[in-house]
Each structure stands twice: as structure tokens, then as C-alpha cells.
Protein backbone atom coordinates (compact mmCIF):
# COMPACT_ATOMS: atom_id res chain seq x y z
CA MET A 1 -216.05 140.13 -16.70
CA ALA A 2 -219.27 142.13 -17.51
CA ALA A 3 -217.30 144.07 -20.20
CA THR A 4 -213.67 145.65 -21.02
CA ASN A 5 -212.82 147.88 -17.76
CA GLY A 6 -216.45 146.94 -16.57
CA VAL A 7 -217.37 148.30 -12.93
CA MET A 8 -219.99 146.41 -10.94
CA MET A 9 -221.62 148.42 -7.93
CA GLN A 10 -223.09 146.31 -4.92
CA TYR A 11 -226.78 148.68 -4.75
CA PHE A 12 -227.42 148.36 -1.00
CA HIS A 13 -225.93 148.53 2.68
CA TRP A 14 -226.79 146.86 5.35
CA TYR A 15 -229.13 149.80 6.77
CA ASN A 16 -231.11 150.80 3.60
CA PRO A 17 -234.89 151.41 4.65
CA ALA A 18 -236.78 148.66 5.37
CA ASP A 19 -239.37 150.86 3.50
CA GLY A 20 -239.55 148.22 0.22
CA SER A 21 -238.20 151.45 -1.78
CA LEU A 22 -234.73 150.07 -3.04
CA TRP A 23 -236.29 148.10 -6.32
CA ASP A 24 -237.69 151.34 -7.48
CA GLU A 25 -234.67 152.92 -7.01
CA VAL A 26 -232.49 150.81 -9.10
CA SER A 27 -235.27 151.57 -11.97
CA ARG A 28 -234.69 155.45 -11.33
CA ASN A 29 -231.13 155.45 -11.14
CA ALA A 30 -230.22 152.75 -13.74
CA SER A 31 -229.76 154.78 -16.80
CA ALA A 32 -227.51 157.55 -14.51
CA LEU A 33 -225.78 154.93 -13.36
CA ALA A 34 -224.75 153.13 -16.81
CA GLN A 35 -223.75 156.28 -18.13
CA ALA A 36 -221.34 157.56 -15.09
CA GLY A 37 -219.61 153.85 -16.26
CA ILE A 38 -220.99 151.24 -14.17
CA THR A 39 -221.92 148.39 -16.34
CA ALA A 40 -223.24 145.91 -13.48
CA LEU A 41 -225.28 145.76 -11.04
CA TRP A 42 -225.32 143.40 -7.44
CA LEU A 43 -228.55 143.14 -6.11
CA PRO A 44 -228.88 141.95 -2.35
CA PRO A 45 -230.81 138.94 -1.69
CA ALA A 46 -234.32 139.32 -3.12
CA TYR A 47 -235.89 136.33 -1.24
CA LYS A 48 -238.34 136.28 2.10
CA GLY A 49 -236.07 135.95 5.52
CA SER A 50 -237.32 135.03 8.67
CA LEU A 51 -237.66 138.71 9.85
CA GLY A 52 -240.28 139.76 6.53
CA ALA A 53 -239.59 142.93 5.53
CA ASN A 54 -237.40 144.12 8.01
CA ASP A 55 -234.79 141.40 6.99
CA VAL A 56 -231.77 142.26 5.04
CA GLY A 57 -232.34 139.04 3.49
CA TYR A 58 -229.32 137.09 4.27
CA ALA A 59 -231.30 134.62 6.99
CA VAL A 60 -232.83 133.04 4.71
CA TYR A 61 -236.86 131.43 4.75
CA ASP A 62 -237.91 131.01 1.51
CA LEU A 63 -235.75 131.26 -1.86
CA TYR A 64 -238.99 131.26 -3.99
CA ASP A 65 -240.54 134.04 -2.22
CA LEU A 66 -239.46 137.38 -4.13
CA GLY A 67 -241.99 139.60 -2.15
CA GLU A 68 -244.81 137.86 -3.29
CA PHE A 69 -246.57 135.59 -1.05
CA ALA A 70 -248.24 136.54 2.85
CA GLN A 71 -245.26 134.77 5.00
CA LYS A 72 -243.69 135.75 8.14
CA GLY A 73 -245.79 138.88 8.23
CA SER A 74 -245.81 140.45 5.23
CA ILE A 75 -245.91 140.13 1.34
CA ARG A 76 -242.87 142.30 0.03
CA THR A 77 -239.67 141.63 0.93
CA LYS A 78 -237.31 144.61 2.64
CA TYR A 79 -236.71 145.84 -0.55
CA GLY A 80 -240.23 145.93 -2.36
CA SER A 81 -242.58 143.30 -4.15
CA LYS A 82 -241.75 140.13 -6.75
CA ALA A 83 -243.40 142.90 -9.68
CA GLN A 84 -241.00 145.67 -8.37
CA TYR A 85 -237.92 143.31 -8.29
CA LEU A 86 -238.22 142.01 -11.71
CA ALA A 87 -238.97 145.46 -13.33
CA ALA A 88 -235.53 146.94 -11.47
CA ILE A 89 -234.11 143.66 -13.29
CA GLN A 90 -235.71 144.64 -17.08
CA ALA A 91 -234.63 148.21 -16.04
CA ALA A 92 -231.27 147.68 -15.62
CA HIS A 93 -230.95 145.37 -18.81
CA THR A 94 -232.65 148.59 -20.86
CA ALA A 95 -229.60 150.88 -19.36
CA GLY A 96 -226.77 148.51 -20.73
CA LEU A 97 -226.23 146.84 -17.02
CA GLN A 98 -225.97 143.09 -16.01
CA VAL A 99 -227.28 142.03 -12.60
CA TYR A 100 -226.10 139.48 -10.69
CA ALA A 101 -228.85 138.06 -7.45
CA ASP A 102 -227.26 137.24 -4.57
CA ALA A 103 -227.53 133.52 -3.87
CA VAL A 104 -227.49 132.27 0.31
CA LEU A 105 -227.19 128.50 -0.02
CA ASN A 106 -226.19 127.64 3.09
CA HIS A 107 -228.74 128.31 5.44
CA ARG A 108 -232.45 128.19 6.20
CA ILE A 109 -233.84 130.39 9.39
CA GLY A 110 -237.48 130.51 10.55
CA GLY A 111 -238.81 127.20 10.39
CA ASP A 112 -242.12 126.60 10.96
CA ILE A 113 -242.40 123.56 12.98
CA ALA A 114 -240.07 122.09 15.81
CA GLU A 115 -239.09 118.55 14.90
CA PRO A 116 -237.85 115.86 18.00
CA CYS A 117 -234.16 114.72 16.56
CA CYS A 118 -231.08 113.07 18.00
CA ALA A 119 -227.95 115.53 18.12
CA THR A 120 -224.64 115.57 19.09
CA PRO A 121 -223.55 118.83 20.76
CA PHE A 122 -220.18 120.60 20.03
CA GLN A 123 -218.70 123.61 21.05
CA GLN A 124 -218.72 126.70 18.34
CA ASN A 125 -214.94 127.18 18.46
CA ASN A 126 -214.69 123.54 18.08
CA ARG A 127 -216.22 121.64 15.64
CA LEU A 128 -213.65 118.07 16.01
CA ASN A 129 -214.74 117.06 19.53
CA PRO A 130 -218.43 116.41 21.05
CA ALA A 131 -219.04 118.48 23.95
CA GLY A 132 -221.41 115.85 24.82
CA PRO A 133 -223.22 112.31 24.23
CA MET A 134 -225.89 112.24 21.75
CA ARG A 135 -229.40 113.35 22.94
CA GLU A 136 -233.12 114.07 22.21
CA ILE A 137 -233.22 117.98 20.80
CA SER A 138 -236.49 120.00 19.63
CA ALA A 139 -235.16 121.47 16.03
CA TYR A 140 -237.55 124.06 14.14
CA THR A 141 -236.28 121.88 10.86
CA GLN A 142 -239.96 121.69 8.96
CA PHE A 143 -240.08 124.20 6.99
CA ASN A 144 -243.58 124.49 4.69
CA PHE A 145 -244.43 127.60 3.15
CA ALA A 146 -248.24 126.99 4.00
CA ALA A 147 -248.59 130.40 1.94
CA ARG A 148 -247.08 129.66 -1.45
CA GLN A 149 -248.83 126.57 -1.33
CA ASP A 150 -246.11 124.87 -3.30
CA GLN A 151 -245.97 126.93 -6.08
CA TYR A 152 -242.99 127.06 -7.70
CA SER A 153 -241.77 124.06 -5.61
CA ASN A 154 -243.21 121.29 -3.82
CA PHE A 155 -240.11 121.12 -2.04
CA ARG A 156 -240.32 121.20 1.96
CA TRP A 157 -237.30 121.38 3.99
CA ASN A 158 -237.39 119.05 7.31
CA HIS A 159 -234.22 117.79 10.03
CA THR A 160 -233.05 115.33 6.93
CA HIS A 161 -232.19 118.05 5.21
CA PHE A 162 -229.82 119.25 7.43
CA ASP A 163 -227.16 118.41 9.18
CA ALA A 164 -226.88 120.82 12.22
CA VAL A 165 -228.38 123.76 13.83
CA ASP A 166 -227.95 125.95 16.98
CA TYR A 167 -230.72 125.96 18.75
CA ASP A 168 -232.71 123.69 21.27
CA ALA A 169 -236.02 124.60 22.15
CA LEU A 170 -235.84 122.49 25.07
CA ASN A 171 -232.95 124.07 26.22
CA PRO A 172 -233.37 127.35 25.24
CA ASN A 173 -231.05 129.25 27.67
CA GLU A 174 -228.25 126.53 26.12
CA ARG A 175 -225.51 129.23 24.14
CA ASN A 176 -222.61 128.80 22.00
CA THR A 177 -223.45 125.48 21.39
CA ILE A 178 -224.06 123.49 17.97
CA TYR A 179 -226.17 120.76 17.07
CA LEU A 180 -224.67 117.87 14.69
CA LEU A 181 -227.92 115.55 13.61
CA ALA A 182 -227.88 112.02 13.75
CA GLY A 183 -226.76 110.42 10.77
CA LYS A 184 -224.81 113.47 9.82
CA GLN A 185 -221.46 114.87 9.46
CA PHE A 186 -220.41 118.52 9.23
CA ASP A 187 -219.58 119.03 5.10
CA ASP A 188 -216.50 118.38 3.82
CA ALA A 189 -214.38 120.87 1.51
CA VAL A 190 -214.79 124.00 3.57
CA ALA A 191 -212.70 125.99 6.04
CA LEU A 192 -210.37 124.64 8.68
CA GLU A 193 -211.12 127.59 11.86
CA ALA A 194 -212.65 125.45 14.14
CA GLY A 195 -211.77 122.09 13.29
CA ASN A 196 -214.74 122.24 10.28
CA TYR A 197 -216.65 125.81 9.19
CA ALA A 198 -218.74 124.15 7.90
CA TYR A 199 -221.78 125.58 10.05
CA LEU A 200 -222.46 129.41 9.97
CA MET A 201 -226.12 129.78 11.18
CA GLY A 202 -229.40 128.51 11.82
CA CYS A 203 -230.49 125.17 10.42
CA ASP A 204 -227.16 124.39 7.75
CA VAL A 205 -227.97 122.37 4.34
CA ASP A 206 -226.25 118.82 4.28
CA PHE A 207 -224.57 119.38 0.74
CA GLN A 208 -224.36 115.94 0.58
CA ASN A 209 -227.69 114.97 0.58
CA PRO A 210 -228.57 114.18 -3.18
CA SER A 211 -232.36 115.67 -2.88
CA VAL A 212 -231.22 119.03 -1.35
CA GLN A 213 -228.58 119.12 -4.21
CA ALA A 214 -231.05 118.52 -7.32
CA GLU A 215 -233.51 121.22 -4.92
CA LEU A 216 -230.38 123.75 -4.84
CA ILE A 217 -230.13 123.59 -8.77
CA GLU A 218 -233.87 123.80 -9.58
CA TRP A 219 -234.40 126.54 -7.53
CA GLY A 220 -231.24 128.05 -9.45
CA LYS A 221 -232.88 127.21 -12.77
CA TRP A 222 -236.41 128.71 -11.89
CA THR A 223 -233.84 132.30 -10.57
CA LEU A 224 -232.96 132.30 -14.13
CA ASP A 225 -235.78 131.97 -15.79
CA THR A 226 -237.76 134.30 -13.86
CA THR A 227 -235.79 137.25 -13.67
CA GLY A 228 -233.22 136.68 -16.36
CA VAL A 229 -229.98 137.40 -14.38
CA ASP A 230 -226.61 137.17 -15.60
CA GLY A 231 -224.44 135.21 -12.80
CA PHE A 232 -224.55 135.16 -9.03
CA ARG A 233 -222.47 136.26 -5.68
CA LEU A 234 -222.73 133.18 -3.79
CA ASP A 235 -222.70 133.67 0.33
CA ALA A 236 -220.04 132.71 3.10
CA VAL A 237 -219.06 129.48 0.51
CA LYS A 238 -216.20 128.78 2.82
CA HIS A 239 -219.18 127.03 5.02
CA ILE A 240 -220.10 125.20 1.69
CA ALA A 241 -218.93 121.96 0.30
CA ALA A 242 -216.34 123.40 -2.80
CA TRP A 243 -217.19 120.57 -5.08
CA PHE A 244 -220.86 121.26 -5.31
CA PHE A 245 -220.41 124.62 -6.97
CA PRO A 246 -218.84 123.13 -10.37
CA THR A 247 -221.62 121.05 -10.59
CA TRP A 248 -224.10 123.82 -9.84
CA ILE A 249 -222.71 126.03 -12.14
CA ASP A 250 -222.19 123.91 -15.36
CA ALA A 251 -225.86 123.04 -14.56
CA MET A 252 -227.12 126.74 -14.56
CA GLU A 253 -225.02 127.31 -18.02
CA GLN A 254 -226.16 124.47 -19.52
CA HIS A 255 -229.76 125.18 -18.80
CA THR A 256 -229.33 129.54 -20.09
CA GLY A 257 -226.92 128.09 -22.57
CA LYS A 258 -224.61 130.92 -22.09
CA ASP A 259 -221.10 131.83 -19.84
CA LEU A 260 -222.66 133.31 -16.11
CA PHE A 261 -220.84 135.72 -14.15
CA VAL A 262 -219.83 134.05 -10.41
CA VAL A 263 -218.48 135.55 -7.42
CA GLY A 264 -218.38 133.68 -4.11
CA GLU A 265 -217.76 135.48 -0.95
CA TYR A 266 -214.94 133.95 1.04
CA TRP A 267 -214.41 135.96 3.64
CA THR A 268 -210.53 135.74 4.54
CA PRO A 269 -207.50 138.03 4.98
CA ASP A 270 -204.68 134.90 3.90
CA VAL A 271 -204.40 135.60 0.30
CA ALA A 272 -203.01 131.86 -0.07
CA GLU A 273 -206.23 130.10 1.32
CA LEU A 274 -207.91 132.45 -1.78
CA VAL A 275 -205.57 131.43 -3.88
CA ALA A 276 -205.93 127.57 -2.79
CA TYR A 277 -209.75 128.21 -3.14
CA VAL A 278 -210.05 129.60 -6.27
CA ASP A 279 -208.10 126.66 -8.06
CA ARG A 280 -209.50 124.12 -6.27
CA LEU A 281 -212.41 125.45 -8.26
CA GLY A 282 -210.45 125.49 -11.51
CA GLY A 283 -210.93 128.88 -11.66
CA ARG A 284 -215.21 128.75 -12.17
CA ILE A 285 -215.74 131.57 -10.05
CA ALA A 286 -214.15 134.72 -9.10
CA ALA A 287 -213.25 135.62 -5.59
CA PHE A 288 -213.42 138.74 -3.47
CA ASP A 289 -210.40 139.99 -2.58
CA VAL A 290 -210.55 140.29 1.36
CA PRO A 291 -206.73 140.96 1.72
CA LEU A 292 -206.28 143.70 -0.52
CA HIS A 293 -209.55 145.48 1.95
CA TYR A 294 -207.21 144.47 4.93
CA GLN A 295 -204.94 146.41 2.80
CA PHE A 296 -206.73 149.55 2.55
CA HIS A 297 -208.28 149.45 6.24
CA THR A 298 -204.63 149.16 7.73
CA ALA A 299 -203.58 151.56 5.56
CA SER A 300 -206.59 154.11 6.45
CA ARG A 301 -205.88 153.85 10.49
CA GLN A 302 -202.14 154.02 9.92
CA GLY A 303 -201.62 157.17 8.08
CA ALA A 304 -198.29 158.09 7.67
CA ALA A 305 -196.98 155.22 9.02
CA TYR A 306 -198.50 152.62 6.31
CA ASN A 307 -195.86 152.05 3.77
CA LEU A 308 -197.42 152.09 0.78
CA CYS A 309 -195.65 150.24 -1.48
CA GLN A 310 -197.12 147.06 0.26
CA LEU A 311 -200.48 148.08 -1.72
CA GLY A 312 -198.79 146.16 -5.25
CA PHE A 313 -198.22 142.70 -2.86
CA ASN A 314 -200.13 140.06 -1.21
CA HIS A 315 -203.21 140.05 -2.56
CA LEU A 316 -205.80 138.38 -4.94
CA LYS A 317 -205.28 140.91 -7.23
CA GLN A 318 -201.88 140.00 -7.83
CA ARG A 319 -202.09 136.54 -7.09
CA ARG A 320 -205.05 135.51 -9.73
CA PRO A 321 -205.76 138.89 -11.81
CA ASP A 322 -208.20 137.24 -13.95
CA HIS A 323 -210.81 135.78 -10.80
CA VAL A 324 -210.35 138.69 -8.60
CA VAL A 325 -213.55 141.28 -7.98
CA THR A 326 -212.12 143.87 -5.87
CA PHE A 327 -213.27 146.00 -3.59
CA VAL A 328 -212.92 149.14 -0.64
CA ASP A 329 -215.85 148.39 1.63
CA ASN A 330 -219.02 145.90 1.75
CA HIS A 331 -222.11 145.91 4.07
CA ASP A 332 -220.22 142.81 6.02
CA SER A 333 -217.24 145.34 6.73
CA GLN A 334 -219.21 148.58 7.41
CA PRO A 335 -219.38 150.39 10.71
CA LEU A 336 -221.36 148.13 12.90
CA GLN A 337 -221.45 145.06 11.46
CA ALA A 338 -220.47 141.49 12.01
CA LEU A 339 -217.02 141.90 10.16
CA GLU A 340 -216.30 145.74 10.69
CA SER A 341 -213.54 146.67 9.67
CA PRO A 342 -214.29 150.11 7.35
CA VAL A 343 -211.81 152.24 5.24
CA GLU A 344 -211.21 155.22 6.73
CA ALA A 345 -213.08 158.43 4.73
CA TRP A 346 -210.09 160.15 4.10
CA PHE A 347 -208.54 157.08 2.13
CA LYS A 348 -211.61 156.25 0.10
CA PRO A 349 -210.71 158.28 -2.70
CA LEU A 350 -206.90 156.52 -2.61
CA ALA A 351 -208.61 152.94 -2.63
CA TYR A 352 -211.06 153.69 -5.54
CA ALA A 353 -208.05 154.74 -7.67
CA PHE A 354 -206.16 151.75 -6.88
CA ILE A 355 -209.12 149.39 -8.01
CA LEU A 356 -210.27 151.14 -10.79
CA LEU A 357 -207.36 152.35 -12.40
CA ARG A 358 -204.76 149.80 -12.59
CA GLN A 359 -204.56 146.97 -14.65
CA HIS A 360 -207.08 143.72 -13.49
CA GLY A 361 -209.47 142.72 -11.56
CA TYR A 362 -213.16 143.50 -11.60
CA PRO A 363 -213.90 146.37 -9.42
CA CYS A 364 -217.07 146.61 -7.14
CA ILE A 365 -218.10 149.84 -5.91
CA PHE A 366 -220.20 150.15 -2.57
CA TYR A 367 -223.46 151.87 -2.56
CA ALA A 368 -222.89 154.07 0.47
CA ASP A 369 -219.06 155.14 -0.41
CA TYR A 370 -221.23 156.21 -3.80
CA TYR A 371 -224.09 157.73 -2.36
CA GLY A 372 -223.47 158.47 1.49
CA ALA A 373 -226.01 156.87 4.19
CA GLU A 374 -226.75 157.54 7.37
CA TYR A 375 -227.68 155.01 10.29
CA CYS A 376 -227.78 153.73 13.74
CA ASP A 377 -226.82 150.72 15.51
CA ALA A 378 -225.88 149.26 18.75
CA ASP A 379 -221.89 148.39 19.24
CA LYS A 380 -220.20 145.09 20.62
CA SER A 381 -221.05 146.93 23.57
CA GLY A 382 -224.22 147.67 23.28
CA ASP A 383 -224.41 151.30 23.15
CA ILE A 384 -226.10 152.55 20.26
CA GLN A 385 -223.85 154.43 17.72
CA GLN A 386 -225.27 157.21 15.08
CA ILE A 387 -223.03 156.28 11.74
CA GLN A 388 -222.51 158.84 9.04
CA LEU A 389 -220.93 158.12 5.56
CA VAL A 390 -219.92 160.79 3.94
CA SER A 391 -220.65 160.36 -0.26
CA HIS A 392 -217.66 159.85 -2.33
CA ARG A 393 -219.69 160.08 -5.67
CA PHE A 394 -217.90 162.65 -7.12
CA LEU A 395 -214.51 161.20 -7.41
CA ILE A 396 -215.61 157.97 -7.98
CA ASP A 397 -217.48 159.54 -11.56
CA ARG A 398 -214.11 161.11 -12.18
CA PHE A 399 -212.73 157.84 -11.97
CA LEU A 400 -214.87 155.81 -13.74
CA HIS A 401 -214.69 158.46 -16.32
CA ALA A 402 -210.84 158.09 -16.88
CA ARG A 403 -211.17 153.85 -16.51
CA GLN A 404 -213.34 153.97 -19.37
CA HIS A 405 -211.27 155.90 -21.53
CA TYR A 406 -207.67 156.01 -20.45
CA ALA A 407 -207.23 153.39 -18.36
CA TYR A 408 -205.94 150.56 -21.31
CA GLY A 409 -202.81 149.50 -22.24
CA GLU A 410 -199.21 148.82 -20.25
CA GLN A 411 -198.98 150.21 -16.78
CA ILE A 412 -196.10 151.03 -15.23
CA ASP A 413 -195.93 151.50 -11.81
CA TYR A 414 -193.78 153.50 -9.89
CA PHE A 415 -193.46 151.78 -5.91
CA ASP A 416 -190.80 153.74 -4.79
CA PHE A 417 -191.16 155.63 -1.78
CA PRO A 418 -193.04 154.31 1.17
CA ASN A 419 -195.47 157.72 1.58
CA CYS A 420 -196.04 158.47 -2.34
CA ILE A 421 -197.00 156.20 -5.24
CA GLY A 422 -198.04 156.64 -8.27
CA TRP A 423 -198.43 154.36 -11.96
CA THR A 424 -198.69 155.11 -15.72
CA ARG A 425 -201.20 153.65 -18.05
CA LEU A 426 -199.89 154.10 -22.12
CA GLY A 427 -202.73 153.51 -23.57
CA ASP A 428 -203.91 151.62 -27.06
CA VAL A 429 -204.52 151.67 -30.14
CA ASP A 430 -208.14 152.52 -29.81
CA HIS A 431 -207.57 154.60 -26.26
CA PRO A 432 -204.05 156.28 -27.36
CA LYS A 433 -204.30 158.69 -24.32
CA ALA A 434 -201.86 158.55 -21.46
CA MET A 435 -203.35 158.76 -17.75
CA ALA A 436 -200.97 159.43 -14.79
CA VAL A 437 -202.45 158.50 -11.03
CA VAL A 438 -200.30 159.65 -7.95
CA MET A 439 -201.39 159.20 -4.73
CA SER A 440 -199.80 160.75 -1.06
CA ASN A 441 -200.47 158.97 2.48
CA SER A 442 -198.69 162.20 4.32
CA LEU A 443 -197.07 165.55 2.73
CA ALA A 444 -197.84 166.25 -0.72
CA GLY A 445 -195.93 165.16 -3.24
CA TYR A 446 -195.02 164.30 -6.72
CA LYS A 447 -194.19 161.43 -9.32
CA ARG A 448 -191.75 161.82 -11.97
CA MET A 449 -192.82 159.22 -14.16
CA TYR A 450 -193.28 157.96 -18.39
CA VAL A 451 -196.19 158.80 -20.10
CA GLY A 452 -194.47 157.96 -23.86
CA GLN A 453 -195.82 161.46 -25.25
CA ALA A 454 -193.34 163.93 -26.24
CA ASN A 455 -194.64 167.66 -25.20
CA ALA A 456 -198.35 166.29 -24.19
CA ARG A 457 -200.50 168.40 -21.84
CA PHE A 458 -202.04 166.22 -19.08
CA ASP A 459 -204.58 167.92 -16.41
CA ASP A 460 -205.58 166.02 -13.00
CA HIS A 461 -209.02 165.00 -13.74
CA THR A 462 -210.15 165.40 -9.79
CA GLY A 463 -209.58 169.30 -9.90
CA HIS A 464 -206.93 169.37 -6.88
CA HIS A 465 -204.26 171.04 -9.70
CA ASN A 466 -205.54 174.25 -11.56
CA GLU A 467 -202.50 174.15 -13.97
CA PRO A 468 -201.55 171.28 -16.39
CA VAL A 469 -198.50 169.80 -16.80
CA ARG A 470 -196.58 169.16 -19.64
CA SER A 471 -194.46 166.40 -20.73
CA ASN A 472 -190.81 166.34 -22.11
CA LEU A 473 -189.43 165.05 -25.32
CA ASP A 474 -188.79 162.43 -23.80
CA GLY A 475 -192.47 161.34 -22.47
CA TRP A 476 -191.88 162.34 -18.70
CA ALA A 477 -193.07 164.27 -16.49
CA SER A 478 -193.25 165.27 -12.89
CA PHE A 479 -197.16 164.76 -11.41
CA PRO A 480 -198.18 166.13 -8.03
CA CYS A 481 -200.75 165.18 -5.82
CA PRO A 482 -202.06 166.71 -2.53
CA ALA A 483 -201.27 165.82 0.86
CA GLY A 484 -203.58 162.83 2.20
CA SER A 485 -205.43 162.50 -1.22
CA VAL A 486 -204.95 161.21 -5.28
CA SER A 487 -204.57 162.75 -8.42
CA VAL A 488 -205.31 161.73 -12.19
CA TRP A 489 -203.73 163.57 -14.78
CA LEU A 490 -205.42 162.90 -18.00
CA GLN A 491 -203.80 163.71 -21.40
CA HIS A 492 -205.50 166.51 -23.07
């Protein structure tokens, strides 16, 4: 983790303006974010995507082009130039923030030249049984990076470096088909959806290929040397052979001589699957708590019908508390995105209090929840929708202050009523004051809870209640909260 009671911020969402301004925004806001209590920033993919300046970064074209070369119609990326990116990282470091780079290793998109090759077709939803015999296809698997002219790396991708593609230029109208290239197999040690979930999109990287492994290790070293980042967020790890990551992380840490923070995005609501993945990697990486996100999503949709006591169970935070990044929403779950499952606005303060003010886990704040966002895009039916996400910055900042100064020591849970739960933190030697948190998804409620402090005054840090609460001689008090909301009571 970045620090005691560290907090990560995902400093982007899918619909940030494609005007090259984000890196400069990071530079401007780094100091204020650090003062608010954030300790690390997860920045979006910084390299050139197949759509150039309009690419969010997950359709990877050239990992070595950080907004420096005239490729895919632009020099800069969606977020700015290489110089602006490096300046943003420097500003974050100067403010005392760690920085995590987003690493998309498992696919390439936007090849420069189509190559003839042989491949066996498979249906998208069945990677175990061929949909037909091997045949010749034409695949955009040659990546020459002509504008870069071998600067930083002379590695040029071709069909021998990939195991599958999803487009045949000889049959451009064929849909829902994956083409397994001749002599290749889908990577092992991946998720088992559709039989084998190694293939995600574009040209699927062949992790069995020793030259590919060596190139990805060299790129990682180059990234660390060039940017000075403190760790990585690994994209879509369920589609990559799990055995590759310990080798890759070992090489990165040996190169830098320091421990790096690494978190993997393994998207599944199945907590047992997540636990198995973290354990398989020997705890070398943390994983995002997707099951907890879905609990928040469900709770926000069901309202008073949801039993809040369920939030204490069946998530990675409970099962592997030292290897989990908790979050409320992200760029994939936000409205109109591929994994759309947003947490409703009314419930977000409750969810952020849950991840920021309880023991265990490394919380991640989402840019669009902190600053708000407005955008439009087509929904699954093709209809254009206007989306407005409200800012929760006021309460998140209050929670961050409480996390910095009060969220320490023993935690006592009061998960004993379906519509109103609470917990207390009793503090420690360096942070001796207590905290009490109460939340309701229905009517206004209260919890009688032990705070370990006799005759102590507590004030509602959220501002929801003006009158203080005082504990009795035995260290107990009744702490209220508003209907459908949360209160955070801090010892005066």
C-alpha cells in the first residue's frame, strides 16, 4: 500500500474530454489532492492507441509512444504529450503522491499491414470447439511503428507474436468469430468463461512466445526508467496466463531495487474465483474488489429492500484483506460503458464511507464521483443518452479527513439490523480519539455503540446533525443518522 491509511484515486473516467488537458490537470491538482488525504494516483493508459488523440488508451497501438510521435493521426494522446505526462508524474511526486501506470499487455489494435496466415475459426462463446476447418485469412498483425523508427525498441510485432485475432480482411462481414492462428493455442491459466477466456479483443498477445515475454519485460523496465512510476494497474488479467505475472513483477522489482505496488483487474462477481487468483499468484498482486462493487450496485437499486448486513460478507475485502483494492465505481461500470453497473447517487456516500472508514483494503476513489461528470453516448439500443454524474467531493473530503485522523485501532461492528448498520473505531496510541459511523438505507435511524471513551463529545463530521452526542460513563452512546444516508461521528 502507498501509506498507512493510504487512498488511491483513479484520475480519469471514460469520457474525459479528448483535448489533451488531463496531464496538465493532474499537475494543477496534485497538491490539493494530497492535502485532502489522497496518497496515490492511478493514471490512464499513457501510450498511443489505435484512435490516436481520441483513444481512451485500451486499444493499444504503441506502448512506447507516450505522445511523442506522429502516429494514428496525432502526436499527443487523448490526455496530452509525453512532456506533459512526465511533468504530471513529477508534480504528483513533489506533492507526496505515488503514481501507478495503467499497463494493457494482452492485446494490440490498429496494425499497419495485413498479413496472410492460416487460422481456425471459433465462435466467441465457444473457444473449445472449432466452428470450421483451418483456412487462410488476412490479419492486421504487422505493427511497424514507422514514425518512431525503432527509437526505444526495435521490436516489431507480426503474426508470430499473436495467437488469435477477431478480423479477417478476406471476410470483413463475418461476425462473432475468433481466428486461432496456425500453430498456436489459446493461453492457459486464464478464466474459463466460454471454455477459455484468453481472447478479449484485437490481436491477442501470445504469452507462450519467449520473444514476446522478453519484449514486455523490456517495456516495463523502460517505463520505470522513463517515468519513475511507483507501480502498475494491470488491465484485464483474467485474459492473460497467470504464470507470467510473477516473472514480470520479479523483473520489474529487480530492475528498480524496490517493491512496486501492483493491482490486477480481474472482473468477476465471484469472490471464490478472485481469491483463487490472488492465491495462485502467491499474493504478489492485489485485486479490485468487484464482488463488493456489485453489492453496492445491488444495494443502491433495491433501497430499503436490501439487507445492509450483507455488506460484511462475500467480498475480497473480507477474504483477502491485505490484497484488495476496494472501489465504488470505475470507468467500466459507469453509465453507458461495457460493464455498466453504476452505484446510484444516493447510495454512493454510504459506499464511500464503507471503503474509506473501515479496517482493511486499499480504497480507490473514482474521478467522476469526486468531480462529477457530464457526457452523452449511445446506449445498447443505439439511442443517445445524456448522463450527468453528481460530485460527491464534499462528503468524500470529510471521509478522507476522518480516515487520516480517526480510522485506526480496534473496529467493533453493529451489523444487527437490515436497514441500519454501524461500526466504531477505538483509535490507537498515535490516534487516540474514537469514531462512530452509522448508515441507513431507509428511515432515519440510530445505533447504540461502544466508543471506549467516557463522557466524550462527538460531532457529526458530515454536517447532517448540529447537536453533539456525548458518551456515558461506560463509553456507550446512541449515534443517529438521516434517512437513506450516513453520519460520521468524530470525538471532539
